[in-house]
PDB file of N, CA and C in Angstrom:
ATOM      1  N   MET A   1       0.438  -6.834 -13.507  1.00  0.00           N
ATOM      2  CA  MET A   1      -0.012  -6.420 -12.338  1.00  0.00           C
ATOM      3  C   MET A   1      -1.403  -6.237 -12.495  1.00  0.00           C
ATOM      4  N   SER A   2      -2.296  -6.236 -11.223  1.00  0.00           N
ATOM      5  CA  SER A   2      -3.701  -5.971 -11.366  1.00  0.00           C
ATOM      6  C   SER A   2      -4.237  -4.546 -11.791  1.00  0.00           C
ATOM      7  N   LYS A   3      -5.516  -4.579 -12.100  1.00  0.00           N
ATOM      8  CA  LYS A   3      -6.264  -3.410 -12.537  1.00  0.00           C
ATOM      9  C   LYS A   3      -6.387  -2.578 -11.302  1.00  0.00           C
ATOM     10  N   LEU A   4      -5.795  -1.473 -11.197  1.00  0.00           N
ATOM     11  CA  LEU A   4      -5.846  -0.506 -10.019  1.00  0.00           C
ATOM     12  C   LEU A   4      -7.179   0.488 -10.301  1.00  0.00           C
ATOM     13  N   ALA A   5      -7.587   0.979  -9.086  1.00  0.00           N
ATOM     14  CA  ALA A   5      -8.656   1.980  -9.118  1.00  0.00           C
ATOM     15  C   ALA A   5      -7.848   3.258  -9.412  1.00  0.00           C
ATOM     16  N   LYS A   6      -8.535   4.338  -9.914  1.00  0.00           N
ATOM     17  CA  LYS A   6      -7.852   5.600 -10.155  1.00  0.00           C
ATOM     18  C   LYS A   6      -7.077   6.085  -8.865  1.00  0.00           C
ATOM     19  N   PRO A   7      -5.938   6.476  -9.022  1.00  0.00           N
ATOM     20  CA  PRO A   7      -5.087   7.074  -7.970  1.00  0.00           C
ATOM     21  C   PRO A   7      -5.753   8.336  -7.292  1.00  0.00           C
ATOM     22  N   PRO A   8      -5.431   8.578  -5.995  1.00  0.00           N
ATOM     23  CA  PRO A   8      -6.042   9.899  -5.397  1.00  0.00           C
ATOM     24  C   PRO A   8      -5.709  11.145  -6.328  1.00  0.00           C
ATOM     25  N   ALA A   9      -6.456  12.188  -6.109  1.00  0.00           N
ATOM     26  CA  ALA A   9      -6.495  13.268  -6.940  1.00  0.00           C
ATOM     27  C   ALA A   9      -5.048  14.000  -6.536  1.00  0.00           C
ATOM     28  N   ALA A  10      -4.724  14.050  -5.291  1.00  0.00           N
ATOM     29  CA  ALA A  10      -3.245  14.660  -4.904  1.00  0.00           C
ATOM     30  C   ALA A  10      -2.244  14.088  -5.751  1.00  0.00           C
ATOM     31  N   PHE A  11      -2.247  12.857  -5.814  1.00  0.00           N
ATOM     32  CA  PHE A  11      -1.095  12.042  -6.646  1.00  0.00           C
ATOM     33  C   PHE A  11      -1.253  12.280  -8.130  1.00  0.00           C
ATOM     34  N   THR A  12      -2.446  12.477  -8.818  1.00  0.00           N
ATOM     35  CA  THR A  12      -2.578  12.777 -10.053  1.00  0.00           C
ATOM     36  C   THR A  12      -2.173  14.089 -10.350  1.00  0.00           C
ATOM     37  N   ALA A  13      -2.531  15.103  -9.578  1.00  0.00           N
ATOM     38  CA  ALA A  13      -2.024  16.407  -9.504  1.00  0.00           C
ATOM     39  C   ALA A  13      -0.491  16.808  -9.548  1.00  0.00           C
ATOM     40  N   PHE A  14       0.109  15.932  -8.665  1.00  0.00           N
ATOM     41  CA  PHE A  14       1.563  15.852  -8.528  1.00  0.00           C
ATOM     42  C   PHE A  14       2.160  15.401  -9.815  1.00  0.00           C
ATOM     43  N   GLN A  15       1.663  14.391 -10.251  1.00  0.00           N
ATOM     44  CA  GLN A  15       2.155  13.702 -11.590  1.00  0.00           C
ATOM     45  C   GLN A  15       2.193  14.741 -12.753  1.00  0.00           C
ATOM     46  N   GLU A  16       1.034  15.541 -12.746  1.00  0.00           N
ATOM     47  CA  GLU A  16       0.814  16.421 -13.773  1.00  0.00           C
ATOM     48  C   GLU A  16       1.740  17.663 -13.696  1.00  0.00           C
ATOM     49  N   LYS A  17       2.061  17.963 -12.376  1.00  0.00           N
ATOM     50  CA  LYS A  17       2.902  19.149 -12.229  1.00  0.00           C
ATOM     51  C   LYS A  17       4.357  18.811 -12.496  1.00  0.00           C
ATOM     52  N   TYR A  18       4.802  17.687 -12.135  1.00  0.00           N
ATOM     53  CA  TYR A  18       6.075  17.095 -12.101  1.00  0.00           C
ATOM     54  C   TYR A  18       6.296  15.699 -12.923  1.00  0.00           C
ATOM     55  N   PRO A  19       6.009  15.806 -14.330  1.00  0.00           N
ATOM     56  CA  PRO A  19       6.050  14.599 -15.111  1.00  0.00           C
ATOM     57  C   PRO A  19       7.305  13.831 -15.115  1.00  0.00           C
ATOM     58  N   ALA A  20       8.455  14.695 -15.042  1.00  0.00           N
ATOM     59  CA  ALA A  20       9.769  13.960 -14.968  1.00  0.00           C
ATOM     60  C   ALA A  20       9.731  13.052 -13.777  1.00  0.00           C
ATOM     61  N   ILE A  21       9.467  13.644 -12.698  1.00  0.00           N
ATOM     62  CA  ILE A  21       9.544  12.897 -11.343  1.00  0.00           C
ATOM     63  C   ILE A  21       8.527  11.677 -11.500  1.00  0.00           C
ATOM     64  N   ALA A  22       7.330  11.942 -12.008  1.00  0.00           N
ATOM     65  CA  ALA A  22       6.424  10.885 -12.012  1.00  0.00           C
ATOM     66  C   ALA A  22       7.040   9.555 -12.972  1.00  0.00           C
ATOM     67  N   GLU A  23       7.818  10.070 -14.023  1.00  0.00           N
ATOM     68  CA  GLU A  23       8.279   8.985 -14.926  1.00  0.00           C
ATOM     69  C   GLU A  23       9.342   8.267 -14.239  1.00  0.00           C
ATOM     70  N   ALA A  24      10.180   8.916 -13.434  1.00  0.00           N
ATOM     71  CA  ALA A  24      11.395   8.312 -12.661  1.00  0.00           C
ATOM     72  C   ALA A  24      10.751   7.364 -11.702  1.00  0.00           C
ATOM     73  N   TRP A  25       9.653   7.879 -11.001  1.00  0.00           N
ATOM     74  CA  TRP A  25       9.112   6.966  -9.975  1.00  0.00           C
ATOM     75  C   TRP A  25       8.489   5.746 -10.415  1.00  0.00           C
ATOM     76  N   ALA A  26       7.805   5.771 -11.678  1.00  0.00           N
ATOM     77  CA  ALA A  26       7.193   4.639 -12.534  1.00  0.00           C
ATOM     78  C   ALA A  26       8.376   3.689 -12.718  1.00  0.00           C
ATOM     79  N   LYS A  27       9.470   4.110 -13.256  1.00  0.00           N
ATOM     80  CA  LYS A  27      10.568   3.272 -13.625  1.00  0.00           C
ATOM     81  C   LYS A  27      11.201   2.497 -12.318  1.00  0.00           C
ATOM     82  N   LEU A  28      11.242   3.232 -11.224  1.00  0.00           N
ATOM     83  CA  LEU A  28      11.748   2.778 -10.060  1.00  0.00           C
ATOM     84  C   LEU A  28      10.727   1.695  -9.608  1.00  0.00           C
ATOM     85  N   SER A  29       9.441   2.044  -9.591  1.00  0.00           N
ATOM     86  CA  SER A  29       8.739   0.896  -9.197  1.00  0.00           C
ATOM     87  C   SER A  29       8.610  -0.358  -9.940  1.00  0.00           C
ATOM     88  N   GLU A  30       8.684  -0.120 -11.272  1.00  0.00           N
ATOM     89  CA  GLU A  30       8.827  -1.187 -12.280  1.00  0.00           C
ATOM     90  C   GLU A  30      10.139  -2.112 -11.956  1.00  0.00           C
ATOM     91  N   ALA A  31      11.202  -1.423 -11.821  1.00  0.00           N
ATOM     92  CA  ALA A  31      12.326  -2.142 -11.425  1.00  0.00           C
ATOM     93  C   ALA A  31      12.463  -2.899 -10.184  1.00  0.00           C
ATOM     94  N   GLY A  32      11.664  -2.349  -9.157  1.00  0.00           N
ATOM     95  CA  GLY A  32      11.530  -3.105  -7.879  1.00  0.00           C
ATOM     96  C   GLY A  32      10.605  -4.294  -8.132  1.00  0.00           C
ATOM     97  N   GLY A  33       9.887  -4.408  -9.052  1.00  0.00           N
ATOM     98  CA  GLY A  33       8.945  -5.410  -9.056  1.00  0.00           C
ATOM     99  C   GLY A  33       9.609  -6.785  -9.870  1.00  0.00           C
ATOM    100  N   VAL A  34      10.742  -6.601 -10.390  1.00  0.00           N
ATOM    101  CA  VAL A  34      11.375  -7.598 -11.168  1.00  0.00           C
ATOM    102  C   VAL A  34      12.103  -8.670  -9.980  1.00  0.00           C
ATOM    103  N   GLY A  35      11.626 -10.046 -10.363  1.00  0.00           N
ATOM    104  CA  GLY A  35      11.969 -11.042  -9.342  1.00  0.00           C
ATOM    105  C   GLY A  35      11.117 -12.142  -9.284  1.00  0.00           C
ATOM    106  N   PRO A  36      11.349 -13.095  -8.296  1.00  0.00           N
ATOM    107  CA  PRO A  36      10.502 -14.246  -8.147  1.00  0.00           C
ATOM    108  C   PRO A  36       9.242 -14.094  -7.540  1.00  0.00           C
ATOM    109  N   LEU A  37       9.022 -12.865  -6.762  1.00  0.00           N
ATOM    110  CA  LEU A  37       7.726 -12.714  -6.020  1.00  0.00           C
ATOM    111  C   LEU A  37       6.585 -12.490  -6.838  1.00  0.00           C
ATOM    112  N   ASP A  38       5.385 -13.125  -6.293  1.00  0.00           N
ATOM    113  CA  ASP A  38       4.248 -12.700  -7.232  1.00  0.00           C
ATOM    114  C   ASP A  38       3.624 -11.592  -6.690  1.00  0.00           C
ATOM    115  N   GLU A  39       2.641 -11.039  -7.482  1.00  0.00           N
ATOM    116  CA  GLU A  39       2.164  -9.647  -7.166  1.00  0.00           C
ATOM    117  C   GLU A  39       1.467  -9.428  -5.704  1.00  0.00           C
ATOM    118  N   LYS A  40       0.932 -10.457  -5.400  1.00  0.00           N
ATOM    119  CA  LYS A  40       0.261 -10.350  -3.957  1.00  0.00           C
ATOM    120  C   LYS A  40       1.416 -10.297  -2.932  1.00  0.00           C
ATOM    121  N   ALA A  41       2.480 -11.092  -2.946  1.00  0.00           N
ATOM    122  CA  ALA A  41       3.436 -11.121  -2.053  1.00  0.00           C
ATOM    123  C   ALA A  41       4.288  -9.656  -2.195  1.00  0.00           C
ATOM    124  N   GLN A  42       4.490  -9.188  -3.290  1.00  0.00           N
ATOM    125  CA  GLN A  42       5.013  -7.862  -3.586  1.00  0.00           C
ATOM    126  C   GLN A  42       4.372  -6.722  -2.801  1.00  0.00           C
ATOM    127  N   ARG A  43       2.909  -6.819  -2.954  1.00  0.00           N
ATOM    128  CA  ARG A  43       2.011  -5.789  -2.368  1.00  0.00           C
ATOM    129  C   ARG A  43       2.146  -5.855  -0.871  1.00  0.00           C
ATOM    130  N   MET A  44       2.112  -7.097  -0.256  1.00  0.00           N
ATOM    131  CA  MET A  44       2.116  -7.260   1.108  1.00  0.00           C
ATOM    132  C   MET A  44       3.351  -6.867   1.734  1.00  0.00           C
ATOM    133  N   ILE A  45       4.463  -7.035   1.088  1.00  0.00           N
ATOM    134  CA  ILE A  45       5.708  -6.775   1.407  1.00  0.00           C
ATOM    135  C   ILE A  45       5.826  -5.051   1.490  1.00  0.00           C
ATOM    136  N   LYS A  46       5.332  -4.483   0.434  1.00  0.00           N
ATOM    137  CA  LYS A  46       5.305  -3.073   0.313  1.00  0.00           C
ATOM    138  C   LYS A  46       4.444  -2.501   1.608  1.00  0.00           C
ATOM    139  N   LEU A  47       3.376  -3.115   1.924  1.00  0.00           N
ATOM    140  CA  LEU A  47       2.467  -2.880   3.024  1.00  0.00           C
ATOM    141  C   LEU A  47       3.356  -2.751   4.323  1.00  0.00           C
ATOM    142  N   GLY A  48       3.908  -3.989   4.443  1.00  0.00           N
ATOM    143  CA  GLY A  48       4.799  -4.226   5.675  1.00  0.00           C
ATOM    144  C   GLY A  48       5.818  -3.172   5.837  1.00  0.00           C
ATOM    145  N   ILE A  49       6.384  -2.688   4.595  1.00  0.00           N
ATOM    146  CA  ILE A  49       7.430  -1.517   4.898  1.00  0.00           C
ATOM    147  C   ILE A  49       6.747  -0.260   5.225  1.00  0.00           C
ATOM    148  N   ALA A  50       5.593  -0.051   4.615  1.00  0.00           N
ATOM    149  CA  ALA A  50       4.903   1.346   4.890  1.00  0.00           C
ATOM    150  C   ALA A  50       4.504   1.316   6.318  1.00  0.00           C
ATOM    151  N   ILE A  51       3.960   0.159   6.838  1.00  0.00           N
ATOM    152  CA  ILE A  51       3.632   0.095   8.188  1.00  0.00           C
ATOM    153  C   ILE A  51       4.763   0.327   9.162  1.00  0.00           C
ATOM    154  N   GLY A  52       5.856  -0.263   8.860  1.00  0.00           N
ATOM    155  CA  GLY A  52       7.109  -0.109   9.838  1.00  0.00           C
ATOM    156  C   GLY A  52       7.737   1.262   9.753  1.00  0.00           C
ATOM    157  N   ALA A  53       7.438   2.035   8.545  1.00  0.00           N
ATOM    158  CA  ALA A  53       7.760   3.358   8.494  1.00  0.00           C
ATOM    159  C   ALA A  53       6.720   4.336   9.001  1.00  0.00           C
ATOM    160  N   MET A  54       5.534   3.677   9.511  1.00  0.00           N
ATOM    161  CA  MET A  54       4.465   4.539   9.909  1.00  0.00           C
ATOM    162  C   MET A  54       4.184   5.685   8.843  1.00  0.00           C
ATOM    163  N   ARG A  55       4.029   5.344   7.548  1.00  0.00           N
ATOM    164  CA  ARG A  55       3.615   6.350   6.558  1.00  0.00           C
ATOM    165  C   ARG A  55       2.189   6.039   6.215  1.00  0.00           C
ATOM    166  N   GLU A  56       1.176   6.952   6.657  1.00  0.00           N
ATOM    167  CA  GLU A  56      -0.059   6.705   6.503  1.00  0.00           C
ATOM    168  C   GLU A  56      -0.552   6.645   4.883  1.00  0.00           C
ATOM    169  N   GLY A  57      -0.090   7.499   4.345  1.00  0.00           N
ATOM    170  CA  GLY A  57      -0.251   7.626   2.677  1.00  0.00           C
ATOM    171  C   GLY A  57       0.190   6.251   2.138  1.00  0.00           C
ATOM    172  N   ALA A  58       1.434   5.850   2.404  1.00  0.00           N
ATOM    173  CA  ALA A  58       2.042   4.672   1.649  1.00  0.00           C
ATOM    174  C   ALA A  58       1.239   3.491   2.316  1.00  0.00           C
ATOM    175  N   VAL A  59       0.617   3.469   3.487  1.00  0.00           N
ATOM    176  CA  VAL A  59      -0.044   2.360   4.014  1.00  0.00           C
ATOM    177  C   VAL A  59      -1.468   2.276   3.160  1.00  0.00           C
ATOM    178  N   ARG A  60      -2.129   3.386   3.063  1.00  0.00           N
ATOM    179  CA  ARG A  60      -3.291   3.393   2.277  1.00  0.00           C
ATOM    180  C   ARG A  60      -3.225   3.016   0.817  1.00  0.00           C
ATOM    181  N   SER A  61      -1.998   3.431   0.176  1.00  0.00           N
ATOM    182  CA  SER A  61      -1.794   3.086  -1.091  1.00  0.00           C
ATOM    183  C   SER A  61      -1.477   1.589  -1.281  1.00  0.00           C
ATOM    184  N   ALA A  62      -0.779   1.139  -0.352  1.00  0.00           N
ATOM    185  CA  ALA A  62      -0.377  -0.380  -0.413  1.00  0.00           C
ATOM    186  C   ALA A  62      -1.732  -1.289  -0.262  1.00  0.00           C
ATOM    187  N   VAL A  63      -2.566  -0.807   0.811  1.00  0.00           N
ATOM    188  CA  VAL A  63      -3.938  -1.504   0.876  1.00  0.00           C
ATOM    189  C   VAL A  63      -4.669  -1.531  -0.376  1.00  0.00           C
ATOM    190  N   ARG A  64      -4.744  -0.440  -0.914  1.00  0.00           N
ATOM    191  CA  ARG A  64      -5.635  -0.258  -2.108  1.00  0.00           C
ATOM    192  C   ARG A  64      -5.095  -1.149  -3.382  1.00  0.00           C
ATOM    193  N   LYS A  65      -3.721  -1.148  -3.397  1.00  0.00           N
ATOM    194  CA  LYS A  65      -3.177  -2.083  -4.401  1.00  0.00           C
ATOM    195  C   LYS A  65      -3.130  -3.451  -4.109  1.00  0.00           C
ATOM    196  N   ALA A  66      -2.864  -3.855  -2.824  1.00  0.00           N
ATOM    197  CA  ALA A  66      -3.109  -5.288  -2.557  1.00  0.00           C
ATOM    198  C   ALA A  66      -4.518  -5.763  -2.628  1.00  0.00           C
ATOM    199  N   ALA A  67      -5.466  -4.952  -2.209  1.00  0.00           N
ATOM    200  CA  ALA A  67      -6.838  -5.476  -2.418  1.00  0.00           C
ATOM    201  C   ALA A  67      -7.046  -5.624  -3.768  1.00  0.00           C
ATOM    202  N   ALA A  68      -6.712  -4.781  -4.727  1.00  0.00           N
ATOM    203  CA  ALA A  68      -6.902  -4.907  -6.145  1.00  0.00           C
ATOM    204  C   ALA A  68      -6.237  -6.164  -6.626  1.00  0.00           C
ATOM    205  N   ALA A  69      -5.166  -6.595  -6.054  1.00  0.00           N
ATOM    206  CA  ALA A  69      -4.436  -7.785  -6.497  1.00  0.00           C
ATOM    207  C   ALA A  69      -4.989  -8.974  -5.856  1.00  0.00           C
ATOM    208  N   GLY A  70      -6.244  -8.873  -4.975  1.00  0.00           N
ATOM    209  CA  GLY A  70      -6.904 -10.043  -4.556  1.00  0.00           C
ATOM    210  C   GLY A  70      -6.380 -10.444  -3.167  1.00  0.00           C
ATOM    211  N   VAL A  71      -5.760  -9.639  -2.447  1.00  0.00           N
ATOM    212  CA  VAL A  71      -5.479  -9.944  -0.963  1.00  0.00           C
ATOM    213  C   VAL A  71      -6.840  -9.941  -0.199  1.00  0.00           C
ATOM    214  N   PRO A  72      -7.160 -10.920   0.653  1.00  0.00           N
ATOM    215  CA  PRO A  72      -8.477 -10.982   1.458  1.00  0.00           C
ATOM    216  C   PRO A  72      -8.120 -10.017   2.617  1.00  0.00           C
ATOM    217  N   ALA A  73      -9.454  -9.648   3.145  1.00  0.00           N
ATOM    218  CA  ALA A  73      -9.214  -8.832   4.300  1.00  0.00           C
ATOM    219  C   ALA A  73      -8.497  -9.365   5.470  1.00  0.00           C
ATOM    220  N   GLU A  74      -8.672 -10.820   5.736  1.00  0.00           N
ATOM    221  CA  GLU A  74      -7.955 -11.326   6.739  1.00  0.00           C
ATOM    222  C   GLU A  74      -6.426 -11.160   6.369  1.00  0.00           C
ATOM    223  N   GLY A  75      -5.898 -11.110   5.259  1.00  0.00           N
ATOM    224  CA  GLY A  75      -4.560 -10.917   5.110  1.00  0.00           C
ATOM    225  C   GLY A  75      -3.893  -9.591   5.731  1.00  0.00           C
ATOM    226  N   PHE A  76      -4.789  -8.620   5.671  1.00  0.00           N
ATOM    227  CA  PHE A  76      -4.498  -7.300   6.071  1.00  0.00           C
ATOM    228  C   PHE A  76      -4.409  -7.351   7.760  1.00  0.00           C
ATOM    229  N   ASP A  77      -5.491  -8.088   8.191  1.00  0.00           N
ATOM    230  CA  ASP A  77      -5.501  -8.386   9.594  1.00  0.00           C
ATOM    231  C   ASP A  77      -4.119  -8.947  10.251  1.00  0.00           C
ATOM    232  N   GLN A  78      -3.725 -10.005   9.421  1.00  0.00           N
ATOM    233  CA  GLN A  78      -2.487 -10.744   9.764  1.00  0.00           C
ATOM    234  C   GLN A  78      -1.403  -9.853   9.736  1.00  0.00           C
ATOM    235  N   VAL A  79      -1.214  -9.034   8.796  1.00  0.00           N
ATOM    236  CA  VAL A  79      -0.048  -8.046   8.733  1.00  0.00           C
ATOM    237  C   VAL A  79       0.008  -7.126  10.033  1.00  0.00           C
ATOM    238  N   VAL A  80      -1.062  -6.688  10.244  1.00  0.00           N
ATOM    239  CA  VAL A  80      -1.205  -5.860  11.493  1.00  0.00           C
ATOM    240  C   VAL A  80      -0.822  -6.535  12.757  1.00  0.00           C
ATOM    241  N   ALA A  81      -1.187  -7.778  12.812  1.00  0.00           N
ATOM    242  CA  ALA A  81      -0.946  -8.606  14.051  1.00  0.00           C
ATOM    243  C   ALA A  81       0.406  -8.996  14.081  1.00  0.00           C
ATOM    244  N   LEU A  82       1.084  -9.309  12.942  1.00  0.00           N
ATOM    245  CA  LEU A  82       2.480  -9.430  12.878  1.00  0.00           C
ATOM    246  C   LEU A  82       3.355  -8.209  13.207  1.00  0.00           C
ATOM    247  N   ALA A  83       2.953  -7.087  12.802  1.00  0.00           N
ATOM    248  CA  ALA A  83       3.575  -5.827  13.049  1.00  0.00           C
ATOM    249  C   ALA A  83       3.497  -5.298  14.493  1.00  0.00           C
ATOM    250  N   ALA A  84       2.467  -5.627  15.186  1.00  0.00           N
ATOM    251  CA  ALA A  84       2.210  -5.111  16.612  1.00  0.00           C
ATOM    252  C   ALA A  84       3.505  -5.420  17.363  1.00  0.00           C
ATOM    253  N   SER A  85       4.116  -6.492  17.448  1.00  0.00           N
ATOM    254  CA  SER A  85       5.209  -6.743  18.381  1.00  0.00           C
ATOM    255  C   SER A  85       6.309  -5.895  18.058  1.00  0.00           C
ATOM    256  N   THR A  86       6.373  -5.459  16.792  1.00  0.00           N
ATOM    257  CA  THR A  86       7.622  -4.574  16.496  1.00  0.00           C
ATOM    258  C   THR A  86       7.245  -3.142  16.615  1.00  0.00           C
ATOM    259  N   ILE A  87       6.132  -2.789  16.079  1.00  0.00           N
ATOM    260  CA  ILE A  87       5.760  -1.282  16.087  1.00  0.00           C
ATOM    261  C   ILE A  87       5.089  -0.818  17.333  1.00  0.00           C
ATOM    262  N   GLY A  88       4.757  -1.825  18.203  1.00  0.00           N
ATOM    263  CA  GLY A  88       3.911  -1.483  19.435  1.00  0.00           C
ATOM    264  C   GLY A  88       2.316  -1.325  19.262  1.00  0.00           C
ATOM    265  N   LEU A  89       1.668  -1.568  20.265  1.00  0.00           N
ATOM    266  CA  LEU A  89       0.259  -1.520  20.311  1.00  0.00           C
ATOM    267  C   LEU A  89      -0.442  -0.117  19.874  1.00  0.00           C
ATOM    268  N   PRO A  90      -0.025   0.896  20.314  1.00  0.00           N
ATOM    269  CA  PRO A  90      -0.581   2.158  19.894  1.00  0.00           C
ATOM    270  C   PRO A  90      -0.473   2.376  18.406  1.00  0.00           C
ATOM    271  N   SER A  91       0.782   2.068  17.905  1.00  0.00           N
ATOM    272  CA  SER A  91       1.015   2.246  16.277  1.00  0.00           C
ATOM    273  C   SER A  91       0.252   1.246  15.713  1.00  0.00           C
ATOM    274  N   ALA A  92      -0.047  -0.062  16.242  1.00  0.00           N
ATOM    275  CA  ALA A  92      -0.725  -1.105  15.581  1.00  0.00           C
ATOM    276  C   ALA A  92      -2.143  -0.724  15.346  1.00  0.00           C
ATOM    277  N   VAL A  93      -2.783   0.021  16.372  1.00  0.00           N
ATOM    278  CA  VAL A  93      -4.012   0.389  16.439  1.00  0.00           C
ATOM    279  C   VAL A  93      -4.278   1.436  15.434  1.00  0.00           C
ATOM    280  N   ALA A  94      -3.295   2.396  15.256  1.00  0.00           N
ATOM    281  CA  ALA A  94      -3.339   3.495  14.273  1.00  0.00           C
ATOM    282  C   ALA A  94      -3.363   2.864  12.879  1.00  0.00           C
ATOM    283  N   VAL A  95      -2.305   2.025  12.621  1.00  0.00           N
ATOM    284  CA  VAL A  95      -2.331   1.253  11.243  1.00  0.00           C
ATOM    285  C   VAL A  95      -3.554   0.471  11.001  1.00  0.00           C
ATOM    286  N   HIS A  96      -4.216  -0.257  11.948  1.00  0.00           N
ATOM    287  CA  HIS A  96      -5.469  -0.885  11.728  1.00  0.00           C
ATOM    288  C   HIS A  96      -6.452  -0.083  11.356  1.00  0.00           C
ATOM    289  N   SER A  97      -6.508   1.206  11.947  1.00  0.00           N
ATOM    290  CA  SER A  97      -7.607   2.200  11.652  1.00  0.00           C
ATOM    291  C   SER A  97      -7.442   2.581  10.186  1.00  0.00           C
ATOM    292  N   TRP A  98      -6.277   2.854   9.653  1.00  0.00           N
ATOM    293  CA  TRP A  98      -5.944   3.354   8.435  1.00  0.00           C
ATOM    294  C   TRP A  98      -6.373   2.318   7.382  1.00  0.00           C
ATOM    295  N   ILE A  99      -6.077   1.084   7.587  1.00  0.00           N
ATOM    296  CA  ILE A  99      -6.576  -0.076   6.705  1.00  0.00           C
ATOM    297  C   ILE A  99      -7.909  -0.305   6.587  1.00  0.00           C
ATOM    298  N   GLN A 100      -8.488  -0.184   7.845  1.00  0.00           N
ATOM    299  CA  GLN A 100     -10.039  -0.328   7.745  1.00  0.00           C
ATOM    300  C   GLN A 100     -10.640   0.754   6.989  1.00  0.00           C
ATOM    301  N   GLU A 101     -10.180   1.949   7.247  1.00  0.00           N
ATOM    302  CA  GLU A 101     -10.806   3.123   6.580  1.00  0.00           C
ATOM    303  C   GLU A 101     -10.648   2.917   5.023  1.00  0.00           C
ATOM    304  N   GLN A 102      -9.274   2.640   4.757  1.00  0.00           N
ATOM    305  CA  GLN A 102      -9.179   2.414   3.184  1.00  0.00           C
ATOM    306  C   GLN A 102      -9.835   1.296   2.643  1.00  0.00           C
ATOM    307  N   LEU A 103      -9.865   0.171   3.170  1.00  0.00           N
ATOM    308  CA  LEU A 103     -10.734  -0.896   2.736  1.00  0.00           C
ATOM    309  C   LEU A 103     -12.248  -0.496   2.562  1.00  0.00           C
ATOM    310  N   ALA A 104     -12.762   0.278   3.550  1.00  0.00           N
ATOM    311  CA  ALA A 104     -14.237   0.722   3.392  1.00  0.00           C
ATOM    312  C   ALA A 104     -14.151   1.700   2.247  1.00  0.00           C
ATOM    313  N   ARG A 105     -13.404   2.479   2.053  1.00  0.00           N
ATOM    314  CA  ARG A 105     -13.313   3.546   0.850  1.00  0.00           C
ATOM    315  C   ARG A 105     -13.273   2.796  -0.534  1.00  0.00           C
ATOM    316  N   SER A 106     -12.498   1.740  -0.483  1.00  0.00           N
ATOM    317  CA  SER A 106     -12.147   1.087  -1.676  1.00  0.00           C
ATOM    318  C   SER A 106     -13.411   0.206  -2.043  1.00  0.00           C
ATOM    319  N   ALA A 107     -14.201  -0.112  -1.105  1.00  0.00           N
ATOM    320  CA  ALA A 107     -15.466  -0.913  -1.188  1.00  0.00           C
ATOM    321  C   ALA A 107     -16.615  -0.037  -1.860  1.00  0.00           C
ATOM    322  N   GLN A 108     -16.593   1.241  -1.731  1.00  0.00           N
ATOM    323  CA  GLN A 108     -17.531   2.269  -2.300  1.00  0.00           C
ATOM    324  C   GLN A 108     -17.535   2.172  -3.678  1.00  0.00           C
TER     325      GLN A 108
END
């Protein structure tokens, strides 16, 4: 997998407070990555799932990780466009704003 930026402080604090949960989470994530899909595809699928669930934190995390894997900005735009017909325009606008904000933060 790609080199990721340091995770948000809230995530790190949670890991420190609950190390057994953090370890189980890491193993679950590792197990989900086994298969024929390359890293970029895995990251974009995770983004699509986060968008469908309307989980802002998961969307931001998926964007951060997909960008680190080399997904171009146009890829995120396409995912939002694909999601719009399923999640609706107001939700697509919200997701688009989360993605744009996260991309801007990651660029800093």
